[in-house]
Protein backbone atom coordinates (compact mmCIF):
# COMPACT_ATOMS: atom_id res chain seq x y z
CA MET A 1 -42.13 24.58 10.32
CA VAL A 2 -39.29 22.69 8.63
CA ILE A 3 -40.63 20.43 5.91
CA ASP A 4 -37.66 18.09 6.33
CA SER A 5 -39.15 17.14 9.71
CA ILE A 6 -42.29 15.73 8.09
CA LYS A 7 -40.85 13.24 5.62
CA ASN A 8 -43.20 10.86 3.89
CA LYS A 9 -44.05 7.69 5.75
CA LEU A 10 -44.46 5.13 2.97
CA SER A 11 -47.10 2.44 3.16
CA LYS A 12 -45.04 -0.73 3.42
CA GLY A 13 -45.08 -2.86 0.31
CA LEU A 14 -48.06 -1.06 -1.28
CA SER A 15 -48.20 0.58 -4.68
CA PRO A 16 -49.87 4.02 -4.87
CA ALA A 17 -53.02 2.38 -6.28
CA GLN A 18 -53.09 -0.18 -3.46
CA THR A 19 -52.55 2.57 -0.88
CA MET A 20 -55.51 4.43 -2.36
CA MET A 21 -57.75 1.37 -2.09
CA GLN A 22 -56.61 0.12 1.31
CA ASN A 23 -55.64 3.26 3.27
CA VAL A 24 -57.70 6.05 1.69
CA LEU A 25 -60.97 4.50 0.46
CA LYS A 26 -60.66 1.37 2.64
CA ILE A 27 -62.69 -0.65 0.16
CA LYS A 28 -64.41 -3.76 1.47
CA LYS A 29 -65.06 -7.06 -0.25
CA GLY A 30 -68.23 -7.01 -2.32
CA GLU A 31 -68.52 -3.23 -2.60
CA LYS A 32 -69.37 -1.74 -6.00
CA VAL A 33 -66.65 0.46 -7.47
CA LEU A 34 -67.08 2.65 -10.57
CA ILE A 35 -63.96 4.03 -12.30
CA VAL A 36 -64.38 6.71 -14.99
CA ALA A 37 -61.27 7.58 -17.01
CA ASN A 38 -60.01 9.11 -20.24
CA PRO A 39 -58.20 6.87 -22.77
CA GLU A 40 -54.93 8.78 -22.42
CA LEU A 41 -54.86 7.84 -18.73
CA ASN A 42 -55.38 4.14 -19.36
CA PRO A 43 -52.12 3.01 -17.63
CA ILE A 44 -53.17 4.64 -14.34
CA ALA A 45 -56.76 3.48 -14.79
CA GLN A 46 -55.57 -0.10 -15.21
CA GLU A 47 -53.43 0.14 -12.05
CA VAL A 48 -56.39 1.44 -10.09
CA TYR A 49 -58.72 -1.16 -11.61
CA GLN A 50 -56.38 -4.01 -10.66
CA ALA A 51 -55.88 -2.68 -7.13
CA ALA A 52 -59.65 -2.47 -6.68
CA LEU A 53 -60.07 -6.05 -7.91
CA GLU A 54 -57.56 -7.19 -5.32
CA THR A 55 -59.87 -5.95 -2.55
CA GLY A 56 -62.61 -8.34 -3.68
CA SER A 57 -64.88 -5.53 -4.81
CA ASN A 58 -67.08 -5.50 -7.92
CA VAL A 59 -65.35 -3.10 -10.30
CA SER A 60 -66.52 -1.37 -13.50
CA LEU A 61 -64.27 0.79 -15.69
CA ILE A 62 -65.73 3.29 -18.19
CA PHE A 63 -63.76 5.44 -20.64
CA GLN A 64 -64.95 8.74 -22.09
CA GLN A 65 -63.16 11.33 -24.20
CA LYS A 66 -61.37 14.19 -22.42
CA LYS A 67 -63.72 16.87 -21.08
CA THR A 68 -62.91 20.52 -20.36
CA ALA A 69 -64.46 22.68 -17.64
CA MET A 70 -67.24 23.66 -20.06
CA ASP A 71 -68.05 20.19 -21.47
CA TYR A 72 -70.76 17.74 -20.48
CA ALA A 73 -69.94 14.23 -19.30
CA GLU A 74 -71.25 11.42 -21.48
CA LYS A 75 -74.76 10.36 -20.52
CA THR A 76 -73.55 6.79 -20.01
CA VAL A 77 -71.17 8.12 -17.36
CA THR A 78 -73.82 10.10 -15.47
CA GLY A 79 -76.14 7.11 -15.85
CA ALA A 80 -73.54 4.84 -14.26
CA ILE A 81 -73.08 7.28 -11.37
CA LEU A 82 -76.85 7.30 -10.82
CA THR A 83 -76.73 3.54 -10.12
CA GLU A 84 -75.18 4.65 -6.80
CA PRO A 85 -72.09 2.45 -6.53
CA ASP A 86 -70.37 2.47 -3.15
CA VAL A 87 -67.31 4.20 -4.63
CA VAL A 88 -66.80 6.49 -7.64
CA ILE A 89 -63.27 7.19 -8.89
CA SER A 90 -62.71 9.82 -11.59
CA ILE A 91 -59.37 9.75 -13.42
CA SER A 92 -59.60 12.69 -15.82
CA ALA A 93 -57.12 14.63 -17.94
CA VAL A 94 -59.04 17.84 -17.17
CA LYS A 95 -62.55 17.31 -15.77
CA LEU A 96 -65.18 14.60 -15.29
CA GLY A 97 -67.64 16.85 -17.15
CA LYS A 98 -70.86 18.59 -16.20
CA ASP A 99 -74.17 16.79 -15.72
CA GLU A 100 -76.28 18.05 -18.63
CA ASN A 101 -79.60 16.93 -17.20
CA ALA A 102 -78.95 18.19 -13.68
CA VAL A 103 -77.87 21.66 -14.79
CA LYS A 104 -81.51 22.25 -15.70
CA ASN A 105 -83.23 19.76 -13.39
CA ILE A 106 -81.48 20.55 -10.12
CA TYR A 107 -81.20 17.87 -7.45
CA VAL A 108 -82.39 18.94 -4.00
CA ASP A 109 -81.51 17.06 -0.82
CA GLU A 110 -83.69 16.58 2.27
CA ASN A 111 -82.34 19.83 3.73
CA GLY A 112 -83.30 21.83 0.65
CA LYS A 113 -79.76 22.23 -0.66
CA SER A 114 -79.39 22.24 -4.46
CA TYR A 115 -76.89 20.33 -6.62
CA ASP A 116 -76.26 20.67 -10.35
CA SER A 117 -74.76 17.21 -10.77
CA ALA A 118 -75.74 13.69 -9.74
CA PHE A 119 -72.20 13.14 -8.50
CA ASP A 120 -72.36 16.05 -6.02
CA TYR A 121 -75.91 15.19 -4.97
CA LEU A 122 -75.08 11.56 -4.15
CA LEU A 123 -71.80 12.46 -2.45
CA PHE A 124 -72.64 15.61 -0.48
CA GLY A 125 -76.45 15.56 -0.37
CA LYS A 126 -77.71 12.01 -0.15
CA LYS A 127 -74.31 10.77 1.10
CA SER A 128 -74.79 7.39 -0.53
CA ILE A 129 -71.37 7.22 -2.22
CA ARG A 130 -67.78 8.05 -1.41
CA ALA A 131 -65.40 9.25 -4.07
CA ILE A 132 -61.99 10.28 -5.35
CA TRP A 133 -61.43 12.63 -8.29
CA MET A 134 -58.06 13.27 -9.92
CA PRO A 135 -58.29 15.90 -12.71
CA GLY A 136 -54.91 16.20 -14.42
CA LEU A 137 -53.25 13.25 -12.68
CA THR A 138 -49.92 12.10 -14.15
CA GLN A 139 -47.98 8.91 -13.58
CA ASP A 140 -45.13 10.88 -11.99
CA MET A 141 -47.49 12.66 -9.61
CA PHE A 142 -49.24 9.42 -8.75
CA SER A 143 -45.94 7.72 -7.86
CA ARG A 144 -44.63 10.63 -5.73
CA THR A 145 -47.57 12.00 -3.74
CA VAL A 146 -49.82 9.11 -2.66
CA ASN A 147 -47.73 7.13 -0.18
CA ILE A 148 -47.64 9.67 2.64
CA ASP A 149 -48.39 9.60 6.36
CA TYR A 150 -52.19 9.92 6.35
CA GLU A 151 -52.50 9.92 10.14
CA GLN A 152 -50.21 12.94 10.33
CA LEU A 153 -52.10 14.67 7.51
CA LYS A 154 -55.44 14.11 9.22
CA LYS A 155 -54.15 15.55 12.51
CA ARG A 156 -52.78 18.60 10.73
CA CYS A 157 -56.12 19.16 8.95
CA GLU A 158 -58.01 18.85 12.24
CA SER A 159 -55.72 21.37 13.94
CA LEU A 160 -56.12 23.86 11.12
CA CYS A 161 -59.91 23.48 11.08
CA LYS A 162 -60.04 24.27 14.79
CA LYS A 163 -58.32 27.57 14.07
CA PHE A 164 -61.23 28.51 11.80
CA GLU A 165 -63.81 28.14 14.59
CA ASN A 166 -65.58 31.47 15.27
CA ALA A 167 -63.61 33.10 12.46
CA VAL A 168 -65.06 36.29 10.97
CA SER A 169 -62.56 37.00 8.21
CA ILE A 170 -59.13 36.09 6.87
CA HIS A 171 -56.49 38.61 5.78
CA VAL A 172 -54.11 37.21 3.15
CA THR A 173 -50.90 38.94 2.10
CA ALA A 174 -47.96 37.68 0.03
CA PRO A 175 -44.65 39.00 -1.36
CA ALA A 176 -45.95 39.24 -4.95
CA GLY A 177 -48.60 41.79 -3.92
CA THR A 178 -51.60 39.88 -2.62
CA ASP A 179 -53.48 41.89 -0.01
CA VAL A 180 -57.06 40.70 0.35
CA HIS A 181 -59.69 40.32 3.07
CA VAL A 182 -61.97 37.27 2.91
CA PRO A 183 -65.22 37.09 4.93
CA VAL A 184 -65.91 33.60 6.33
CA LYS A 185 -68.36 34.20 9.21
CA GLY A 186 -70.66 31.19 9.46
CA ARG A 187 -68.69 29.14 6.94
CA THR A 188 -67.27 25.74 7.88
CA PRO A 189 -63.86 24.71 6.52
CA LEU A 190 -63.70 21.56 4.42
CA VAL A 191 -60.86 19.06 4.39
CA ASP A 192 -59.12 16.88 1.87
CA ASP A 193 -57.40 14.71 4.47
CA GLY A 194 -57.15 11.36 2.71
CA ASP A 195 -59.82 9.63 4.81
CA PHE A 196 -62.56 8.78 2.33
CA SER A 197 -63.72 5.60 4.02
CA ARG A 198 -67.29 6.66 4.89
CA PRO A 199 -70.28 7.40 2.65
CA GLY A 200 -70.47 11.12 1.98
CA THR A 201 -66.70 11.63 2.06
CA GLY A 202 -64.42 12.30 -0.88
CA GLY A 203 -61.61 14.39 -2.30
CA ASN A 204 -58.52 14.44 -4.44
CA ILE A 205 -55.59 12.18 -4.96
CA PRO A 206 -53.08 13.58 -4.24
CA THR A 207 -54.79 14.73 -1.11
CA GLY A 208 -53.87 17.37 1.44
CA GLU A 209 -55.66 20.70 1.89
CA VAL A 210 -58.07 22.64 4.06
CA PHE A 211 -60.36 25.02 2.18
CA ILE A 212 -63.29 27.34 2.82
CA SER A 213 -65.87 29.21 0.76
CA PRO A 214 -65.93 33.00 1.28
CA VAL A 215 -69.27 34.45 2.33
CA MET A 216 -71.32 35.61 -0.64
CA PRO A 217 -72.03 39.37 -0.80
CA ASP A 218 -75.50 40.57 0.10
CA GLU A 219 -76.50 43.42 -2.19
CA ASN A 220 -79.43 44.39 0.03
CA ALA A 221 -77.70 44.25 3.41
CA GLU A 222 -76.56 47.31 5.30
CA HIS A 223 -72.97 47.09 6.53
CA SER A 224 -71.24 49.13 9.17
CA ASP A 225 -67.94 50.83 8.48
CA GLY A 226 -65.18 48.29 8.02
CA GLU A 227 -67.52 45.30 7.71
CA LEU A 228 -66.89 43.19 4.62
CA ASN A 229 -69.56 42.60 2.02
CA GLY A 230 -67.74 39.90 0.10
CA THR A 231 -64.05 39.36 -0.60
CA GLU A 232 -62.20 42.66 -0.98
CA GLY A 233 -58.71 43.55 -2.18
CA THR A 234 -55.97 42.35 -4.50
CA ILE A 235 -54.95 38.79 -5.35
CA VAL A 236 -51.71 38.21 -7.26
CA PHE A 237 -51.41 34.68 -8.61
CA ASP A 238 -47.69 33.93 -8.93
CA GLY A 239 -47.50 30.13 -8.85
CA SER A 240 -49.79 28.39 -11.31
CA MET A 241 -53.30 28.82 -12.68
CA SER A 242 -56.06 26.60 -13.98
CA PHE A 243 -57.74 27.54 -17.25
CA ASN A 244 -60.58 26.07 -19.27
CA ASP A 245 -58.27 23.70 -21.15
CA GLY A 246 -55.82 22.85 -18.38
CA ASP A 247 -53.22 24.26 -15.96
CA ASP A 248 -49.92 26.11 -16.37
CA ILE A 249 -47.07 27.54 -14.31
CA LEU A 250 -47.32 31.31 -14.57
CA LYS A 251 -44.47 33.07 -16.34
CA THR A 252 -46.01 36.44 -15.49
CA PRO A 253 -48.10 37.03 -12.34
CA ILE A 254 -51.82 37.63 -12.76
CA LYS A 255 -53.15 40.59 -10.76
CA VAL A 256 -56.83 40.35 -9.86
CA GLU A 257 -58.74 43.24 -8.29
CA VAL A 258 -61.74 42.08 -6.24
CA HIS A 259 -64.59 44.23 -4.95
CA ASN A 260 -67.69 43.07 -3.04
CA GLY A 261 -66.82 39.43 -3.70
CA PHE A 262 -66.35 39.62 -7.47
CA VAL A 263 -63.45 40.05 -9.88
CA LYS A 264 -63.47 43.58 -11.29
CA GLU A 265 -60.16 43.74 -13.17
CA ILE A 266 -57.49 41.30 -14.38
CA THR A 267 -54.07 42.55 -15.49
CA GLY A 268 -50.72 41.01 -16.37
CA GLY A 269 -49.27 39.22 -19.39
CA PRO A 270 -50.64 36.60 -21.79
CA GLU A 271 -51.86 34.40 -18.94
CA ALA A 272 -54.00 37.23 -17.60
CA LYS A 273 -55.61 37.67 -21.01
CA ARG A 274 -56.17 33.92 -21.19
CA LEU A 275 -57.89 33.87 -17.79
CA LEU A 276 -60.08 36.86 -18.65
CA LYS A 277 -61.10 35.25 -21.95
CA ASP A 278 -62.08 32.01 -20.18
CA ILE A 279 -64.15 33.94 -17.63
CA GLN A 280 -65.86 35.92 -20.38
CA ASN A 281 -66.60 32.69 -22.25
CA ALA A 282 -68.25 31.28 -19.12
CA GLU A 283 -70.33 34.45 -18.80
CA LYS A 284 -71.44 34.19 -22.43
CA GLU A 285 -72.21 30.47 -22.20
CA SER A 286 -74.30 31.07 -19.09
CA LEU A 287 -76.50 33.48 -21.01
CA VAL A 288 -76.71 31.12 -23.98
CA MET A 289 -77.99 28.41 -21.65
CA GLY A 290 -80.66 30.84 -20.52
CA THR A 291 -81.87 31.45 -24.06
CA THR A 292 -81.81 27.76 -25.05
CA GLY A 293 -83.72 26.57 -22.01
CA LYS A 294 -80.85 24.70 -20.35
CA LEU A 295 -81.13 27.23 -17.53
CA SER A 296 -83.91 29.59 -16.58
CA ARG A 297 -83.10 33.19 -17.42
CA GLU A 298 -82.82 33.93 -13.71
CA ASP A 299 -80.40 31.06 -13.12
CA ALA A 300 -78.44 32.05 -16.23
CA ALA A 301 -77.93 35.53 -14.81
CA ILE A 302 -76.77 34.03 -11.50
CA HIS A 303 -74.30 31.73 -13.28
CA LYS A 304 -73.00 34.68 -15.29
CA ARG A 305 -72.48 36.77 -12.15
CA ASN A 306 -70.71 33.94 -10.33
CA SER A 307 -68.23 33.50 -13.17
CA ARG A 308 -66.36 36.29 -11.36
CA ASN A 309 -67.04 35.10 -7.80
CA ILE A 310 -64.19 34.32 -5.41
CA GLY A 311 -65.34 30.82 -4.54
CA GLU A 312 -62.56 29.33 -2.43
CA LEU A 313 -59.56 29.95 -0.22
CA GLY A 314 -57.41 26.86 0.40
CA ILE A 315 -54.16 25.92 2.13
CA GLY A 316 -51.83 23.17 0.85
CA LEU A 317 -50.76 20.46 3.32
CA ASN A 318 -49.21 17.55 1.39
CA PRO A 319 -45.45 17.33 2.18
CA ALA A 320 -44.76 15.40 -1.04
CA ALA A 321 -46.45 17.92 -3.35
CA THR A 322 -44.50 20.50 -5.36
CA ILE A 323 -45.41 23.22 -7.87
CA THR A 324 -45.35 21.54 -11.28
CA GLY A 325 -47.93 23.47 -13.29
CA ASN A 326 -50.60 20.91 -12.50
CA MET A 327 -53.17 22.34 -10.09
CA LEU A 328 -54.19 18.93 -8.76
CA GLU A 329 -50.77 18.75 -7.10
CA ASP A 330 -49.89 22.45 -6.86
CA GLU A 331 -52.78 23.40 -4.57
CA LYS A 332 -51.63 20.72 -2.09
CA ALA A 333 -48.05 22.06 -1.86
CA PHE A 334 -46.68 23.47 1.38
CA ARG A 335 -45.96 27.22 1.57
CA THR A 336 -48.90 28.04 -0.70
CA CYS A 337 -52.52 29.04 -0.60
CA HIS A 338 -54.97 29.18 -3.50
CA PHE A 339 -58.07 31.08 -4.47
CA ALA A 340 -60.71 29.94 -6.95
CA ILE A 341 -62.72 32.07 -9.34
CA GLY A 342 -66.23 30.76 -9.97
CA GLU A 343 -68.32 28.15 -8.18
CA ASN A 344 -67.89 27.63 -4.45
CA TYR A 345 -68.26 24.55 -2.24
CA ASP A 346 -71.22 25.68 -0.17
CA GLY A 347 -73.75 25.50 -2.97
CA ASP A 348 -74.79 29.16 -2.98
CA ALA A 349 -72.63 30.28 -5.91
CA PRO A 350 -73.39 28.09 -8.95
CA ALA A 351 -71.18 28.77 -11.97
CA LEU A 352 -69.87 26.98 -15.03
CA ILE A 353 -66.24 27.37 -13.93
CA HIS A 354 -63.96 26.93 -10.94
CA PHE A 355 -60.45 28.19 -11.78
CA ASP A 356 -57.83 27.76 -9.04
CA GLY A 357 -54.81 30.06 -8.78
CA LEU A 358 -51.77 29.64 -6.56
CA VAL A 359 -50.22 32.27 -4.27
CA LYS A 360 -46.71 31.55 -2.95
CA ASN A 361 -45.36 32.21 0.56
CA PRO A 362 -48.56 33.77 1.92
CA THR A 363 -49.38 35.07 5.39
CA LEU A 364 -52.92 34.14 6.49
CA THR A 365 -54.23 35.92 9.56
CA ILE A 366 -57.62 34.86 10.95
CA LYS A 367 -59.73 37.47 12.72
CA TYR A 368 -62.23 36.20 15.30
CA ALA A 369 -65.56 37.48 16.57
CA ASP A 370 -63.96 38.68 19.84
CA GLY A 371 -61.44 40.82 17.92
CA SER A 372 -58.47 38.51 18.44
CA GLU A 373 -56.27 37.30 15.61
CA PHE A 374 -54.08 34.29 14.77
CA SER A 375 -51.73 33.75 11.82
CA VAL A 376 -51.93 30.15 10.59
CA LEU A 377 -49.34 30.90 7.90
CA GLU A 378 -46.48 33.37 8.09
CA ASN A 379 -44.53 33.86 4.87
CA GLY A 380 -45.55 30.33 3.91
CA ASP A 381 -44.60 28.70 7.21
CA LEU A 382 -47.40 26.74 8.89
CA LYS A 383 -47.92 27.83 12.52
CA ILE A 384 -50.05 25.02 13.95
């Protein structure tokens, strides 16, 4: 696929903030909108606030200090989310922050699924809100990546999701050395397609990816020869990586060996040591939470284990996105895929972290239950 053939279709006369309100969230007059931001992102927050006001909605803007992947959100923020506004918009330098109360007192929806934050429970469980979250957003990124052709993006996401139907596993290879098999039998792909107009929908700005949670390994199951028990192989991150305190373009690739779904070894340069340290810190903090009562000892052990889980495989689909060292944009870039270490999106791998890493020019081959195969990416080129 030639990217030049899918140029951005700008929303006529709309600023990025107005496009977000009118074309992505489709906010209606009288709806309640909550915006949570960090002070250093005040210019963007003010643009978004003003654009929301123009829709005739009732808007509230709350600032909190910058939060890392290991920090808790302010209780006033989680309290505001619990009022169940129609729309929640998070504009964060790094993260919105964890829900301190919900980490211990888990929310459970009517189907028995658990959530360790009020935000996730209301969005994915109760489906009473819709949302956008933008960790690491910059003014430059905001101006370049929002005014795209959302109808085209949605069609591309739908086509890619269809290719995942009846998938058993995905084989990912890449020039830098990635060679990994990812089990996905029974998993449903999720989309960040820019249509967050209905309760229970949400995603990033910039938008544009399809992603799936690998199947969790079953330590007690018996597997036949060749059958995967969790993600297996080598992942070489050679684009960018998210860390506890932010994201960076990688100067030296990070090589990650994965066995039975979990990271076993991390090698490379300074960035590899940084990633390993952040994972180890998450493991230690999980155990601390078990001794202080913030988690049960059983849940603490699960969180520790999942600090090394392969929690996501995603494909970038935003034609305006480039690799800048900011994962919010990088993971949406064409000719890339990304894996996450830590928590997944299906709710069966809770962890304190979710670190995304980018792989450039990958080949993704889907294997189906009937033994057939289809490559949705070949050396970075999209084949749908």
